[in-house]
C-alpha atoms as a PDB file:
ATOM      1  CA  MET A   1      61.779  -7.658  24.882  1.00  0.00           C
ATOM      2  CA  SER A   2      62.950  -6.531  28.290  1.00  0.00           C
ATOM      3  CA  ARG A   3      61.305  -7.785  31.443  1.00  0.00           C
ATOM      4  CA  THR A   4      60.166  -4.265  32.365  1.00  0.00           C
ATOM      5  CA  LYS A   5      57.967  -4.001  29.245  1.00  0.00           C
ATOM      6  CA  ARG A   6      56.143  -7.320  29.735  1.00  0.00           C
ATOM      7  CA  PRO A   7      53.773  -6.210  32.519  1.00  0.00           C
ATOM      8  CA  ALA A   8      52.801  -3.161  30.492  1.00  0.00           C
ATOM      9  CA  LEU A   9      52.062  -5.391  27.480  1.00  0.00           C
ATOM     10  CA  TRP A  10      49.915  -7.701  29.569  1.00  0.00           C
ATOM     11  CA  ILE A  11      48.004  -4.753  31.055  1.00  0.00           C
ATOM     12  CA  ALA A  12      47.455  -3.208  27.647  1.00  0.00           C
ATOM     13  CA  THR A  13      46.284  -6.551  26.205  1.00  0.00           C
ATOM     14  CA  ALA A  14      43.855  -7.048  29.096  1.00  0.00           C
ATOM     15  CA  ALA A  15      42.483  -3.526  28.685  1.00  0.00           C
ATOM     16  CA  VAL A  16      41.874  -4.122  24.934  1.00  0.00           C
ATOM     17  CA  VAL A  17      40.088  -7.410  25.702  1.00  0.00           C
ATOM     18  CA  VAL A  18      37.851  -5.731  28.304  1.00  0.00           C
ATOM     19  CA  VAL A  19      37.036  -2.763  26.081  1.00  0.00           C
ATOM     20  CA  THR A  20      36.246  -5.095  23.167  1.00  0.00           C
ATOM     21  CA  ALA A  21      33.995  -7.310  25.324  1.00  0.00           C
ATOM     22  CA  VAL A  22      32.082  -4.346  26.724  1.00  0.00           C
ATOM     23  CA  GLY A  23      31.726  -2.805  23.252  1.00  0.00           C
ATOM     24  CA  LEU A  24      30.372  -6.062  21.809  1.00  0.00           C
ATOM     25  CA  TYR A  25      27.906  -6.399  24.637  1.00  0.00           C
ATOM     26  CA  LEU A  26      26.601  -2.851  24.346  1.00  0.00           C
ATOM     27  CA  PHE A  27      26.489  -2.440  20.562  1.00  0.00           C
ATOM     28  CA  GLN A  28      25.846  -6.023  19.457  1.00  0.00           C
ATOM     29  CA  PRO A  29      27.058  -5.240  15.916  1.00  0.00           C
ATOM     30  CA  TRP A  30      26.062  -8.629  14.540  1.00  0.00           C
ATOM     31  CA  ARG A  31      22.430  -7.588  14.927  1.00  0.00           C
ATOM     32  CA  LEU A  32      22.842  -5.293  11.952  1.00  0.00           C
ATOM     33  CA  PHE A  33      22.926  -8.491   9.900  1.00  0.00           C
ATOM     34  CA  THR A  34      20.227 -10.525  11.631  1.00  0.00           C
ATOM     35  CA  THR A  35      16.509 -10.657  10.858  1.00  0.00           C
ATOM     36  CA  GLU A  36      13.717 -11.968  13.047  1.00  0.00           C
ATOM     37  CA  ARG A  37      10.461 -12.295  11.093  1.00  0.00           C
ATOM     38  CA  VAL A  38       7.137 -12.523  12.954  1.00  0.00           C
ATOM     39  CA  ASP A  39       3.818 -12.964  11.131  1.00  0.00           C
ATOM     40  CA  GLU A  40       0.851 -12.878  13.501  1.00  0.00           C
ATOM     41  CA  ALA A  41      -2.722 -12.893  12.227  1.00  0.00           C
ATOM     42  CA  ALA A  42      -4.734  -9.719  12.628  1.00  0.00           C
ATOM     43  CA  PRO A  43      -6.877  -9.703  15.803  1.00  0.00           C
ATOM     44  CA  ALA A  44     -10.397 -10.829  14.984  1.00  0.00           C
ATOM     45  CA  ALA A  45     -13.543 -10.856  17.042  1.00  0.00           C
ATOM     46  CA  THR A  46     -15.353 -14.154  17.256  1.00  0.00           C
ATOM     47  CA  GLY A  47     -18.969 -15.132  17.115  1.00  0.00           C
ATOM     48  CA  GLN A  48     -21.672 -12.494  16.575  1.00  0.00           C
ATOM     49  CA  ALA A  49     -19.219  -9.620  17.029  1.00  0.00           C
ATOM     50  CA  ALA A  50     -16.995 -10.704  14.090  1.00  0.00           C
ATOM     51  CA  ALA A  51     -17.448  -7.400  12.303  1.00  0.00           C
ATOM     52  CA  ALA A  52     -16.914  -5.358  15.440  1.00  0.00           C
ATOM     53  CA  VAL A  53     -13.132  -4.919  15.272  1.00  0.00           C
ATOM     54  CA  LYS A  54     -12.679  -1.372  14.126  1.00  0.00           C
ATOM     55  CA  PRO A  55      -9.656   0.816  13.522  1.00  0.00           C
ATOM     56  CA  LEU A  56      -9.262   3.816  15.854  1.00  0.00           C
ATOM     57  CA  ALA A  57      -6.028   5.244  14.410  1.00  0.00           C
ATOM     58  CA  THR A  58      -3.515   4.522  11.683  1.00  0.00           C
ATOM     59  CA  GLY A  59      -0.067   5.719  10.651  1.00  0.00           C
ATOM     60  CA  SER A  60       3.039   4.973   8.580  1.00  0.00           C
ATOM     61  CA  PHE A  61       6.587   4.730   9.923  1.00  0.00           C
ATOM     62  CA  ILE A  62       9.328   7.177   9.043  1.00  0.00           C
ATOM     63  CA  SER A  63      12.968   6.422   9.741  1.00  0.00           C
ATOM     64  CA  HIS A  64      15.017   7.912  12.555  1.00  0.00           C
ATOM     65  CA  GLU A  65      18.248   6.255  13.674  1.00  0.00           C
ATOM     66  CA  HIS A  66      17.746   3.224  11.377  1.00  0.00           C
ATOM     67  CA  GLU A  67      15.795   2.611   8.181  1.00  0.00           C
ATOM     68  CA  THR A  68      12.247   1.756   9.266  1.00  0.00           C
ATOM     69  CA  SER A  69       9.075   1.226   7.241  1.00  0.00           C
ATOM     70  CA  GLY A  70       5.615  -0.279   7.597  1.00  0.00           C
ATOM     71  CA  SER A  71       2.306   0.801   8.986  1.00  0.00           C
ATOM     72  CA  VAL A  72       0.583   0.829  12.330  1.00  0.00           C
ATOM     73  CA  GLU A  73      -3.050   0.549  13.317  1.00  0.00           C
ATOM     74  CA  ILE A  74      -4.841   0.673  16.656  1.00  0.00           C
ATOM     75  CA  LEU A  75      -7.855  -1.643  16.708  1.00  0.00           C
ATOM     76  CA  ARG A  76     -10.640  -1.918  19.265  1.00  0.00           C
ATOM     77  CA  SER A  77     -12.731  -5.069  19.576  1.00  0.00           C
ATOM     78  CA  ALA A  78     -16.377  -5.250  20.684  1.00  0.00           C
ATOM     79  CA  ASP A  79     -15.295  -6.197  24.171  1.00  0.00           C
ATOM     80  CA  GLY A  80     -13.316  -2.898  24.446  1.00  0.00           C
ATOM     81  CA  LYS A  81      -9.829  -4.385  24.211  1.00  0.00           C
ATOM     82  CA  ALA A  82      -7.352  -2.296  22.204  1.00  0.00           C
ATOM     83  CA  THR A  83      -4.531  -3.794  20.123  1.00  0.00           C
ATOM     84  CA  LEU A  84      -1.678  -2.088  18.301  1.00  0.00           C
ATOM     85  CA  ARG A  85      -0.886  -3.853  15.029  1.00  0.00           C
ATOM     86  CA  LEU A  86       2.312  -3.408  13.038  1.00  0.00           C
ATOM     87  CA  THR A  87       1.962  -4.376   9.387  1.00  0.00           C
ATOM     88  CA  ASN A  88       4.760  -4.959   6.867  1.00  0.00           C
ATOM     89  CA  LEU A  89       7.313  -3.773   9.440  1.00  0.00           C
ATOM     90  CA  ARG A  90      10.945  -3.593   8.216  1.00  0.00           C
ATOM     91  CA  ALA A  91      13.541  -2.229  10.627  1.00  0.00           C
ATOM     92  CA  SER A  92      17.069  -2.927  11.636  1.00  0.00           C
ATOM     93  CA  ASP A  93      17.473  -5.377  14.444  1.00  0.00           C
ATOM     94  CA  GLY A  94      19.005  -3.960  17.548  1.00  0.00           C
ATOM     95  CA  PRO A  95      19.483  -4.380  21.278  1.00  0.00           C
ATOM     96  CA  ALA A  96      16.609  -3.724  23.708  1.00  0.00           C
ATOM     97  CA  LEU A  97      14.017  -2.636  21.114  1.00  0.00           C
ATOM     98  CA  HIS A  98      10.536  -1.882  22.453  1.00  0.00           C
ATOM     99  CA  VAL A  99       7.247  -0.700  21.006  1.00  0.00           C
ATOM    100  CA  TRP A 100       6.060   2.530  22.648  1.00  0.00           C
ATOM    101  CA  LEU A 101       3.073   4.800  22.481  1.00  0.00           C
ATOM    102  CA  SER A 102       4.291   8.362  23.056  1.00  0.00           C
ATOM    103  CA  ASP A 103       2.542  11.704  23.584  1.00  0.00           C
ATOM    104  CA  GLN A 104       5.337  13.551  21.727  1.00  0.00           C
ATOM    105  CA  PRO A 105       5.063  14.597  18.063  1.00  0.00           C
ATOM    106  CA  VAL A 106       7.004  12.787  15.350  1.00  0.00           C
ATOM    107  CA  LYS A 107       9.923  14.843  14.075  1.00  0.00           C
ATOM    108  CA  ARG A 108      11.460  14.001  10.737  1.00  0.00           C
ATOM    109  CA  ASP A 109      14.957  14.996  11.795  1.00  0.00           C
ATOM    110  CA  GLY A 110      15.148  12.568  14.663  1.00  0.00           C
ATOM    111  CA  GLY A 111      13.186  10.913  17.403  1.00  0.00           C
ATOM    112  CA  GLY A 112      15.168  11.863  20.456  1.00  0.00           C
ATOM    113  CA  ASN A 113      12.161  13.698  21.851  1.00  0.00           C
ATOM    114  CA  LEU A 114       9.868  10.690  22.075  1.00  0.00           C
ATOM    115  CA  ASP A 115      10.858   9.884  25.659  1.00  0.00           C
ATOM    116  CA  ASP A 116      10.422  13.506  26.867  1.00  0.00           C
ATOM    117  CA  GLY A 117       6.775  13.249  27.856  1.00  0.00           C
ATOM    118  CA  LYS A 118       4.533  10.317  28.750  1.00  0.00           C
ATOM    119  CA  HIS A 119       4.868   6.946  27.056  1.00  0.00           C
ATOM    120  CA  VAL A 120       3.418   3.443  27.402  1.00  0.00           C
ATOM    121  CA  ASP A 121       5.787   0.541  26.800  1.00  0.00           C
ATOM    122  CA  LEU A 122       3.865  -2.179  24.986  1.00  0.00           C
ATOM    123  CA  GLY A 123       6.735  -4.658  25.301  1.00  0.00           C
ATOM    124  CA  SER A 124       9.769  -5.866  23.460  1.00  0.00           C
ATOM    125  CA  LEU A 125       9.694  -5.810  19.678  1.00  0.00           C
ATOM    126  CA  LYS A 126       8.853  -9.377  18.680  1.00  0.00           C
ATOM    127  CA  GLY A 127      10.742  -9.221  15.400  1.00  0.00           C
ATOM    128  CA  ASN A 128      12.267  -6.595  13.125  1.00  0.00           C
ATOM    129  CA  GLU A 129      10.168  -7.713  10.157  1.00  0.00           C
ATOM    130  CA  GLY A 130       6.571  -8.831   9.600  1.00  0.00           C
ATOM    131  CA  ASN A 131       3.164  -8.358  11.113  1.00  0.00           C
ATOM    132  CA  GLN A 132       2.746  -8.152  14.904  1.00  0.00           C
ATOM    133  CA  ASN A 133       0.123  -7.466  17.550  1.00  0.00           C
ATOM    134  CA  TYR A 134       0.639  -5.726  20.921  1.00  0.00           C
ATOM    135  CA  THR A 135      -1.987  -5.530  23.612  1.00  0.00           C
ATOM    136  CA  ILE A 136      -2.623  -1.994  24.852  1.00  0.00           C
ATOM    137  CA  PRO A 137      -3.159  -2.035  28.632  1.00  0.00           C
ATOM    138  CA  ALA A 138      -6.742  -1.495  29.788  1.00  0.00           C
ATOM    139  CA  GLY A 139      -7.408   2.049  30.909  1.00  0.00           C
ATOM    140  CA  THR A 140      -4.881   3.592  28.516  1.00  0.00           C
ATOM    141  CA  ASP A 141      -6.247   6.900  27.229  1.00  0.00           C
ATOM    142  CA  LEU A 142      -5.588   6.507  23.511  1.00  0.00           C
ATOM    143  CA  ASN A 143      -6.402  10.159  22.893  1.00  0.00           C
ATOM    144  CA  ALA A 144      -3.349  11.104  24.953  1.00  0.00           C
ATOM    145  CA  PHE A 145      -0.870   9.344  22.633  1.00  0.00           C
ATOM    146  CA  SER A 146      -0.162  10.551  19.108  1.00  0.00           C
ATOM    147  CA  THR A 147       2.874   8.484  18.161  1.00  0.00           C
ATOM    148  CA  VAL A 148       4.135   4.884  17.943  1.00  0.00           C
ATOM    149  CA  THR A 149       7.903   4.359  18.032  1.00  0.00           C
ATOM    150  CA  ILE A 150      10.308   1.469  17.832  1.00  0.00           C
ATOM    151  CA  TRP A 151      12.454   2.609  20.765  1.00  0.00           C
ATOM    152  CA  CYS A 152      15.974   1.400  21.594  1.00  0.00           C
ATOM    153  CA  GLU A 153      16.131   1.503  25.365  1.00  0.00           C
ATOM    154  CA  ARG A 154      19.850   0.821  25.524  1.00  0.00           C
ATOM    155  CA  PHE A 155      20.770   3.995  23.587  1.00  0.00           C
ATOM    156  CA  SER A 156      17.570   6.086  24.107  1.00  0.00           C
ATOM    157  CA  VAL A 157      16.881   6.547  20.404  1.00  0.00           C
ATOM    158  CA  SER A 158      13.957   5.967  18.065  1.00  0.00           C
ATOM    159  CA  PHE A 159      14.654   3.578  15.169  1.00  0.00           C
ATOM    160  CA  GLY A 160      11.471   4.882  13.533  1.00  0.00           C
ATOM    161  CA  ALA A 161       8.117   6.349  14.440  1.00  0.00           C
ATOM    162  CA  ALA A 162       4.594   6.757  13.073  1.00  0.00           C
ATOM    163  CA  GLU A 163       2.206   9.615  13.675  1.00  0.00           C
ATOM    164  CA  LEU A 164      -1.261   8.282  14.554  1.00  0.00           C
ATOM    165  CA  LYS A 165      -4.180   9.726  12.597  1.00  0.00           C
ATOM    166  CA  GLN A 166      -7.518   9.241  14.305  1.00  0.00           C
ATOM    167  CA  GLN A 167     -10.135   7.430  12.172  1.00  0.00           C
ATOM    168  CA  ARG A 168     -13.594   8.919  11.824  1.00  0.00           C
ATOM    169  CA  ALA A 169     -16.450   6.878  13.173  1.00  0.00           C
END
């Protein structure tokens, strides 16, 4: 190989290494094969108010960018605290996944709209399988949000979403 081609080879090799490193960081492809299971107990009131935890809304996940299943329930305890509970969740693992309440409707053909309006970020997804609880911030108007989504912040896509159906008192 001539001496004039060596610098070009080194530059090309360095570029491939940089592109590969950035791609691995952004896409984290190994997460397609990882599972993080979380099994938290359902929130329960204590003492005399033990029967006072009541469901306000329920729903079932549909898939968007990745296969997602399970159910969601919003519970209110006697002290007024609201909790979002995911039950039997199964979703792909992914980078920067969060649980959101959204005011946008669930669309079967994709969830790209779920960040168009208002949303409340309940925090990072604790695990891509199992049963999990998320505290809903005090003062959140639950009537203003009709959807729960597993939202990938890195790529601005919904892995899956559930339409909330209000429970009758």
